[in-house]
Amino acid sequence: MSKSRQNTSQWPPGKEPWLAVNLSRVFPGLGQIYAGKVTRGLIISVSYYLPFAFWGAC
């Protein structure tokens, strides 16, 4: 395999992509937090659960 065809993904070393996928299925945004993108994960979580909070207040 040539050097240009080697794994050049932006995934953090020591992290499992499929674990992030499964974490996101359980709790939206948790996969992003696992990957080290905490701000993005919190934004996803808040934007997902905020409508439920307003809906329950009605």
Protein backbone atom coordinates (compact mmCIF):
# COMPACT_ATOMS: atom_id res chain seq x y z
CA MET A 1 0.00 0.00 0.00
CA SER A 2 1.40 3.37 -0.91
CA LYS A 3 1.94 6.05 1.69
CA SER A 4 -0.80 8.19 0.19
CA ARG A 5 -3.35 5.37 0.74
CA GLN A 6 -2.55 4.87 4.43
CA ASN A 7 -5.00 5.82 7.14
CA THR A 8 -5.12 9.60 7.17
CA SER A 9 -8.30 10.02 9.22
CA GLN A 10 -8.63 12.80 11.75
CA TRP A 11 -9.71 10.42 14.52
CA PRO A 12 -7.86 10.91 17.85
CA PRO A 13 -5.39 8.11 18.62
CA GLY A 14 -6.62 5.55 21.13
CA LYS A 15 -10.30 6.28 20.43
CA GLU A 16 -12.71 3.83 18.82
CA PRO A 17 -15.03 5.34 16.18
CA TRP A 18 -17.71 2.68 16.63
CA LEU A 19 -17.82 3.32 20.37
CA ALA A 20 -18.54 6.99 19.61
CA VAL A 21 -21.34 5.94 17.24
CA ASN A 22 -22.94 3.75 19.89
CA LEU A 23 -22.57 6.39 22.59
CA SER A 24 -24.32 8.88 20.32
CA ARG A 25 -27.19 6.46 19.83
CA VAL A 26 -27.68 6.21 23.60
CA PHE A 27 -27.23 9.91 24.36
CA PRO A 28 -26.95 12.43 21.50
CA GLY A 29 -23.69 14.36 21.72
CA LEU A 30 -21.90 11.85 23.92
CA GLY A 31 -19.90 10.48 21.00
CA GLN A 32 -18.56 13.95 20.26
CA ILE A 33 -17.60 14.39 23.90
CA TYR A 34 -15.84 11.00 23.81
CA ALA A 35 -13.92 12.10 20.72
CA GLY A 36 -12.64 15.17 22.57
CA LYS A 37 -14.97 17.74 21.02
CA VAL A 38 -16.71 18.71 24.24
CA THR A 39 -18.21 22.00 23.08
CA ARG A 40 -19.73 20.42 19.98
CA GLY A 41 -21.08 17.54 22.07
CA LEU A 42 -22.71 19.87 24.57
CA ILE A 43 -24.29 21.92 21.78
CA ILE A 44 -25.74 18.76 20.23
CA SER A 45 -27.04 17.53 23.59
CA VAL A 46 -28.64 20.84 24.53
CA SER A 47 -30.19 21.34 21.10
CA TYR A 48 -31.63 17.82 21.23
CA TYR A 49 -33.07 17.92 24.76
CA LEU A 50 -34.12 21.58 25.02
CA PRO A 51 -37.35 21.13 23.03
CA PHE A 52 -38.37 18.30 25.37
CA ALA A 53 -37.92 20.61 28.35
CA PHE A 54 -40.14 23.26 26.79
CA TRP A 55 -42.68 20.70 25.65
CA GLY A 56 -42.98 19.29 29.18
CA ALA A 57 -43.51 22.80 30.61
CA CYS A 58 -46.72 23.32 28.60
